[in-house]
């Protein structure tokens, strides 16, 4: 295996590993200027080298011939100048075909100017929701739009919810054919600092205001017009454990009758300054001292992270 030089660390992937920041992405801005084909093709060549030499599952769901054909198609697409947003979407569609849940154009690895250009438009839908099949079901109304939980959003600006989901699914990361995972990532539940739905919906359909066709829990339909919300506004409604970069506890524990509920929405504690080992030891010691008979561990929003959590001395 040929090592990539340290100066070529990138934002193009989610192997959890490093690869390469191209001069193209370093120079890009929020302007509508078209990116140079030569620079994009350089990125594609670097991506191909990194994935074929480093990715352990590159051929798990695709044959070598299929991967070669997809890289050739990606290179051909990059031969035509396009905007930063279009190039990001093109890369995302390609990476999703690898069918690896850790392989994507990682939102969190981008340089600040790239993140601002791509991810921070104030056009997020102002409610939380889950995809249940191809139905967009509202679960919370944090910005007081008047859309009650349990309502279905049937259409956004005249486009059906099912058509929106169909457009977004080829961009979402997941292992293999796990479309349930893709639907969950494309839901908005306050589970991440960047919501996957927000980013791709913004790129494809984003507007300042939205006309929604809403069906309330009783079956009554109406039209509602709502304003988009910003990234900062969205983050005010996120779960406490979403930002793990400080020293604030990421997990919570509470009593529910004769049981204790330990919520662990993330094990991605690489940058955290929080003493999670000490916190967990104290929490478990209290449960033992109080003779709590049952413990429920909630991992529903947890995508994994540091193996140190599962290998800690107390057996977690």
Protein backbone atom coordinates (compact mmCIF):
# COMPACT_ATOMS: atom_id res chain seq x y z
CA UNK A 1 0.00 0.00 0.00
CA UNK A 2 1.34 3.41 -0.94
CA UNK A 3 1.08 5.99 1.84
CA UNK A 4 -0.44 9.36 1.03
CA UNK A 5 1.73 12.29 2.12
CA UNK A 6 0.51 14.21 5.22
CA UNK A 7 0.08 17.40 3.22
CA UNK A 8 -2.79 15.76 1.28
CA UNK A 9 -5.29 15.27 4.10
CA UNK A 10 -8.78 15.50 2.77
CA UNK A 11 -12.36 16.27 3.34
CA UNK A 12 -13.61 13.85 0.76
CA UNK A 13 -14.48 10.84 2.75
CA UNK A 14 -15.63 9.11 5.78
CA UNK A 15 -13.35 6.18 6.18
CA UNK A 16 -12.77 7.77 9.56
CA UNK A 17 -9.31 7.98 8.08
CA UNK A 18 -7.40 10.71 6.39
CA UNK A 19 -7.28 11.68 2.89
CA UNK A 20 -6.69 14.44 0.99
CA UNK A 21 -7.44 17.94 0.75
CA UNK A 22 -7.21 19.05 -2.76
CA UNK A 23 -6.23 22.54 -3.86
CA UNK A 24 -9.68 22.74 -5.48
CA UNK A 25 -11.54 22.56 -2.19
CA UNK A 26 -9.10 24.87 -0.47
CA UNK A 27 -9.79 27.56 -3.08
CA UNK A 28 -13.55 27.13 -3.36
CA UNK A 29 -15.92 29.78 -2.03
CA UNK A 30 -19.64 30.44 -1.89
CA UNK A 31 -19.54 32.28 -5.21
CA UNK A 32 -21.28 30.68 -8.20
CA UNK A 33 -17.97 30.47 -10.04
CA UNK A 34 -17.56 27.19 -11.87
CA UNK A 35 -14.83 24.89 -10.61
CA UNK A 36 -12.12 23.97 -13.09
CA UNK A 37 -12.48 20.56 -14.69
CA UNK A 38 -8.77 19.81 -14.30
CA UNK A 39 -8.91 20.45 -10.56
CA UNK A 40 -12.03 18.32 -10.10
CA UNK A 41 -10.52 15.46 -12.07
CA UNK A 42 -7.43 15.70 -9.86
CA UNK A 43 -9.74 15.25 -6.88
CA UNK A 44 -11.41 12.26 -8.51
CA UNK A 45 -8.04 10.63 -9.24
CA UNK A 46 -6.99 11.15 -5.63
CA UNK A 47 -10.30 9.75 -4.38
CA UNK A 48 -9.90 6.69 -6.59
CA UNK A 49 -6.38 6.07 -5.36
CA UNK A 50 -7.38 6.43 -1.71
CA UNK A 51 -10.44 4.18 -1.96
CA UNK A 52 -8.84 1.45 -4.06
CA UNK A 53 -5.72 1.33 -1.86
CA UNK A 54 -7.20 1.98 1.59
CA UNK A 55 -10.91 1.12 1.71
CA UNK A 56 -11.34 -2.37 3.20
CA UNK A 57 -14.89 -2.78 1.85
CA UNK A 58 -14.64 -1.20 -1.58
CA UNK A 59 -15.71 -4.47 -3.24
CA UNK A 60 -18.07 -5.73 -0.55
CA UNK A 61 -21.21 -4.62 -2.38
CA UNK A 62 -19.73 -3.84 -5.81
CA UNK A 63 -17.62 -5.90 -8.16
CA UNK A 64 -14.27 -4.48 -9.32
CA UNK A 65 -15.82 -3.93 -12.75
CA UNK A 66 -18.73 -1.95 -11.24
CA UNK A 67 -16.40 0.22 -9.16
CA UNK A 68 -14.15 0.88 -12.16
CA UNK A 69 -17.18 1.87 -14.25
CA UNK A 70 -18.45 4.22 -11.54
CA UNK A 71 -15.07 5.91 -11.14
CA UNK A 72 -14.91 6.33 -14.92
CA UNK A 73 -18.38 7.92 -14.90
CA UNK A 74 -17.35 10.20 -12.02
CA UNK A 75 -14.25 11.28 -13.91
CA UNK A 76 -16.35 11.95 -17.02
CA UNK A 77 -18.80 14.07 -14.99
CA UNK A 78 -15.91 16.06 -13.53
CA UNK A 79 -14.66 16.88 -17.02
CA UNK A 80 -17.38 19.54 -17.29
CA UNK A 81 -16.99 22.65 -15.07
CA UNK A 82 -19.59 22.82 -12.29
CA UNK A 83 -20.31 24.69 -9.08
CA UNK A 84 -19.00 23.60 -5.70
CA UNK A 85 -22.52 22.52 -4.70
CA UNK A 86 -22.97 20.45 -7.86
CA UNK A 87 -19.57 18.81 -7.39
CA UNK A 88 -20.37 17.99 -3.76
CA UNK A 89 -23.67 16.38 -4.81
CA UNK A 90 -21.91 14.44 -7.58
CA UNK A 91 -19.35 13.10 -5.11
CA UNK A 92 -22.07 12.27 -2.59
CA UNK A 93 -24.07 10.26 -5.12
CA UNK A 94 -20.96 8.34 -6.09
CA UNK A 95 -19.88 7.64 -2.50
CA UNK A 96 -23.34 6.39 -1.59
CA UNK A 97 -22.95 3.64 -4.22
CA UNK A 98 -20.06 2.18 -2.21
CA UNK A 99 -22.75 1.26 0.35
CA UNK A 100 -20.51 1.87 3.35
CA UNK A 101 -22.02 3.82 6.22
CA UNK A 102 -18.67 5.45 7.00
CA UNK A 103 -17.89 6.55 3.45
CA UNK A 104 -19.27 9.95 2.54
CA UNK A 105 -18.16 13.53 1.97
CA UNK A 106 -18.03 14.10 5.71
CA UNK A 107 -19.86 17.21 6.93
CA UNK A 108 -17.55 17.55 9.92
CA UNK A 109 -14.19 17.36 8.13
CA UNK A 110 -14.68 20.40 5.94
CA UNK A 111 -12.71 23.60 6.11
CA UNK A 112 -14.71 26.47 7.55
CA UNK A 113 -15.20 28.26 4.22
CA UNK A 114 -16.50 25.07 2.60
CA UNK A 115 -18.90 24.37 5.47
CA UNK A 116 -20.28 27.91 5.27
CA UNK A 117 -20.75 27.68 1.51
CA UNK A 118 -22.43 24.28 1.53
CA UNK A 119 -24.12 23.66 4.86
CA UNK A 120 -25.30 26.89 6.47
CA UNK A 121 -28.07 28.29 4.29
CA UNK A 122 -31.07 29.45 6.42
CA UNK A 123 -33.56 27.21 4.63
CA UNK A 124 -34.16 24.28 6.95
CA UNK A 125 -37.71 23.03 7.44
CA UNK A 126 -38.86 24.30 10.88
CA UNK A 127 -40.02 21.07 12.51
CA UNK A 128 -38.76 17.64 13.53
CA UNK A 129 -40.00 14.60 11.66
CA UNK A 130 -39.50 10.91 10.92
CA UNK A 131 -39.83 9.08 7.63
CA UNK A 132 -42.23 6.20 8.17
CA UNK A 133 -42.16 4.42 4.85
CA UNK A 134 -42.40 7.33 2.44
CA UNK A 135 -44.53 9.43 4.82
CA UNK A 136 -43.02 12.54 6.45
CA UNK A 137 -44.50 12.47 9.96
CA UNK A 138 -44.00 15.50 12.24
CA UNK A 139 -42.71 14.61 15.72
CA UNK A 140 -42.12 18.08 17.22
CA UNK A 141 -42.90 21.71 16.47
CA UNK A 142 -40.03 23.59 18.20
CA UNK A 143 -40.51 26.81 16.22
CA UNK A 144 -44.25 27.16 16.85
CA UNK A 145 -45.43 26.73 13.26
CA UNK A 146 -48.76 25.36 14.45
CA UNK A 147 -48.14 21.97 12.83
CA UNK A 148 -48.98 19.45 15.52
CA UNK A 149 -46.97 16.27 16.13
CA UNK A 150 -48.54 13.35 14.33
CA UNK A 151 -49.32 15.45 11.26
CA UNK A 152 -48.10 14.31 7.86
CA UNK A 153 -46.40 16.67 5.42
CA UNK A 154 -47.87 15.56 2.12
CA UNK A 155 -46.06 18.07 -0.11
CA UNK A 156 -43.48 20.85 0.06
CA UNK A 157 -43.87 23.62 -2.53
CA UNK A 158 -46.02 21.29 -4.60
CA UNK A 159 -43.54 18.41 -4.54
CA UNK A 160 -44.81 15.28 -2.82
CA UNK A 161 -43.02 14.02 0.27
CA UNK A 162 -42.43 10.66 -1.41
CA UNK A 163 -40.76 12.41 -4.38
CA UNK A 164 -38.51 14.35 -2.00
CA UNK A 165 -37.49 11.15 -0.24
CA UNK A 166 -36.82 9.41 -3.56
CA UNK A 167 -34.51 12.28 -4.59
CA UNK A 168 -32.60 12.19 -1.30
CA UNK A 169 -32.17 8.44 -0.77
CA UNK A 170 -29.37 8.06 -3.39
CA UNK A 171 -27.33 10.62 -1.43
CA UNK A 172 -27.59 9.01 2.01
CA UNK A 173 -24.90 6.79 3.48
CA UNK A 174 -25.58 3.33 4.92
CA UNK A 175 -24.12 -0.15 4.89
CA UNK A 176 -25.38 -2.42 2.15
CA UNK A 177 -29.07 -2.16 1.35
CA UNK A 178 -30.12 -0.79 4.74
CA UNK A 179 -32.71 1.72 3.54
CA UNK A 180 -34.14 1.96 7.07
CA UNK A 181 -30.84 3.53 8.10
CA UNK A 182 -31.03 5.95 5.18
CA UNK A 183 -34.55 6.98 6.17
CA UNK A 184 -33.42 7.56 9.73
CA UNK A 185 -30.50 9.73 8.61
CA UNK A 186 -32.88 11.69 6.41
CA UNK A 187 -35.22 12.31 9.34
CA UNK A 188 -34.73 15.34 11.61
CA UNK A 189 -34.59 14.40 15.29
CA UNK A 190 -31.88 16.63 16.74
CA UNK A 191 -29.37 13.78 16.65
CA UNK A 192 -26.50 15.57 14.88
CA UNK A 193 -24.83 18.97 14.65
CA UNK A 194 -25.51 18.75 10.92
CA UNK A 195 -28.70 16.96 9.92
CA UNK A 196 -28.23 14.95 6.72
CA UNK A 197 -31.70 15.92 5.52
CA UNK A 198 -31.02 19.63 6.01
CA UNK A 199 -27.87 19.56 3.91
CA UNK A 200 -29.15 17.62 0.92
CA UNK A 201 -32.68 19.08 0.98
CA UNK A 202 -31.15 22.57 0.98
CA UNK A 203 -28.97 21.76 -2.02
CA UNK A 204 -31.83 20.31 -4.04
CA UNK A 205 -34.94 22.17 -2.88
CA UNK A 206 -33.98 24.93 -0.44
CA UNK A 207 -36.10 28.13 -0.28
CA UNK A 208 -36.61 31.01 2.16
CA UNK A 209 -40.25 30.02 2.63
CA UNK A 210 -42.22 26.84 2.09
CA UNK A 211 -45.82 26.12 1.23
CA UNK A 212 -46.73 22.85 2.91
CA UNK A 213 -49.66 20.54 2.36
CA UNK A 214 -50.38 19.25 5.86
CA UNK A 215 -52.66 16.46 7.00
CA UNK A 216 -53.31 16.68 10.73
CA UNK A 217 -53.83 13.60 12.93
CA UNK A 218 -57.60 13.78 12.41
CA UNK A 219 -57.16 13.56 8.62
CA UNK A 220 -57.98 17.22 7.88
CA UNK A 221 -55.83 18.78 5.15
CA UNK A 222 -54.71 22.38 4.93
CA UNK A 223 -52.01 24.59 3.41
CA UNK A 224 -49.41 26.11 5.77
CA UNK A 225 -46.73 28.61 4.82
CA UNK A 226 -43.59 28.57 6.98
CA UNK A 227 -40.20 30.27 6.94
CA UNK A 228 -36.96 28.33 6.82
CA UNK A 229 -34.73 28.28 9.89
CA UNK A 230 -30.97 28.69 10.23
CA UNK A 231 -28.33 26.24 11.39
CA UNK A 232 -28.01 28.15 14.67
CA UNK A 233 -31.76 27.89 15.22
CA UNK A 234 -31.74 24.19 14.45
CA UNK A 235 -28.97 23.58 16.95
CA UNK A 236 -30.98 25.16 19.76
CA UNK A 237 -33.35 22.19 19.52
CA UNK A 238 -30.68 19.46 19.30
CA UNK A 239 -30.14 16.87 22.02
CA UNK A 240 -27.68 17.75 24.76
CA UNK A 241 -25.22 15.07 23.62
CA UNK A 242 -24.94 16.25 20.02
CA UNK A 243 -21.92 18.52 20.59
CA UNK A 244 -19.27 16.38 22.25
CA UNK A 245 -16.37 18.81 21.85
CA UNK A 246 -16.54 20.41 25.31
CA UNK A 247 -16.65 19.13 28.89
CA UNK A 248 -20.45 18.88 29.14
CA UNK A 249 -21.82 15.36 29.77
CA UNK A 250 -22.98 13.71 26.56
CA UNK A 251 -25.02 11.00 28.28
CA UNK A 252 -27.86 11.19 30.79
CA UNK A 253 -29.24 8.81 33.40
CA UNK A 254 -32.62 9.05 35.07
CA UNK A 255 -34.92 6.91 37.15
CA UNK A 256 -38.09 5.52 35.59
CA UNK A 257 -39.95 3.73 38.36
CA UNK A 258 -37.84 0.76 39.47
CA UNK A 259 -35.55 1.09 36.44
CA UNK A 260 -32.83 3.48 35.38
CA UNK A 261 -32.60 4.79 31.81
CA UNK A 262 -29.08 5.45 30.53
CA UNK A 263 -29.20 7.43 27.27
CA UNK A 264 -26.02 7.25 25.19
CA UNK A 265 -26.74 9.05 21.89
CA UNK A 266 -23.08 8.99 20.85
CA UNK A 267 -19.80 7.26 21.55
CA UNK A 268 -17.93 9.69 19.31
CA UNK A 269 -15.95 11.24 22.17
CA UNK A 270 -12.65 11.77 20.35
CA UNK A 271 -12.59 15.54 20.94
CA UNK A 272 -14.47 15.56 24.24
CA UNK A 273 -12.90 16.97 27.40
CA UNK A 274 -15.59 15.34 29.51
CA UNK A 275 -14.48 12.65 32.00
CA UNK A 276 -16.96 10.06 30.77
CA UNK A 277 -15.23 7.21 32.63
CA UNK A 278 -15.56 8.97 35.97
CA UNK A 279 -19.15 9.96 35.21
CA UNK A 280 -20.10 6.40 34.24
CA UNK A 281 -18.37 4.87 37.27
CA UNK A 282 -20.22 7.19 39.62
CA UNK A 283 -23.55 6.59 37.90
CA UNK A 284 -23.21 2.80 38.11
CA UNK A 285 -22.00 2.98 41.72
CA UNK A 286 -25.18 4.91 42.62
CA UNK A 287 -27.37 2.31 40.92
CA UNK A 288 -25.65 -0.48 42.85
CA UNK A 289 -25.89 1.40 46.14
CA UNK A 290 -29.59 2.10 45.55
CA UNK A 291 -30.20 -1.53 44.48
CA UNK A 292 -31.90 -0.50 41.26
CA UNK A 293 -33.05 -3.81 39.74
CA UNK A 294 -33.16 -2.82 36.07
CA UNK A 295 -31.06 -0.71 33.73
CA UNK A 296 -32.19 0.24 30.21
CA UNK A 297 -29.48 1.53 27.86
CA UNK A 298 -30.85 3.69 25.03
CA UNK A 299 -28.58 3.50 21.97
CA UNK A 300 -31.17 4.41 19.33
CA UNK A 301 -29.30 7.46 18.01
CA UNK A 302 -25.85 5.96 18.53
CA UNK A 303 -23.72 5.22 15.46
CA UNK A 304 -20.75 4.01 17.51
CA UNK A 305 -17.43 5.74 18.07
CA UNK A 306 -14.56 5.08 20.41
CA UNK A 307 -14.06 1.41 21.28
CA UNK A 308 -12.72 2.60 24.64
CA UNK A 309 -16.32 2.91 25.81
CA UNK A 310 -17.04 -0.78 25.28
CA UNK A 311 -13.68 -1.82 26.70
CA UNK A 312 -13.72 0.25 29.89
CA UNK A 313 -12.87 -1.53 33.15
CA UNK A 314 -16.49 -1.54 34.40
CA UNK A 315 -17.49 -3.71 31.45
CA UNK A 316 -19.38 -1.21 29.27
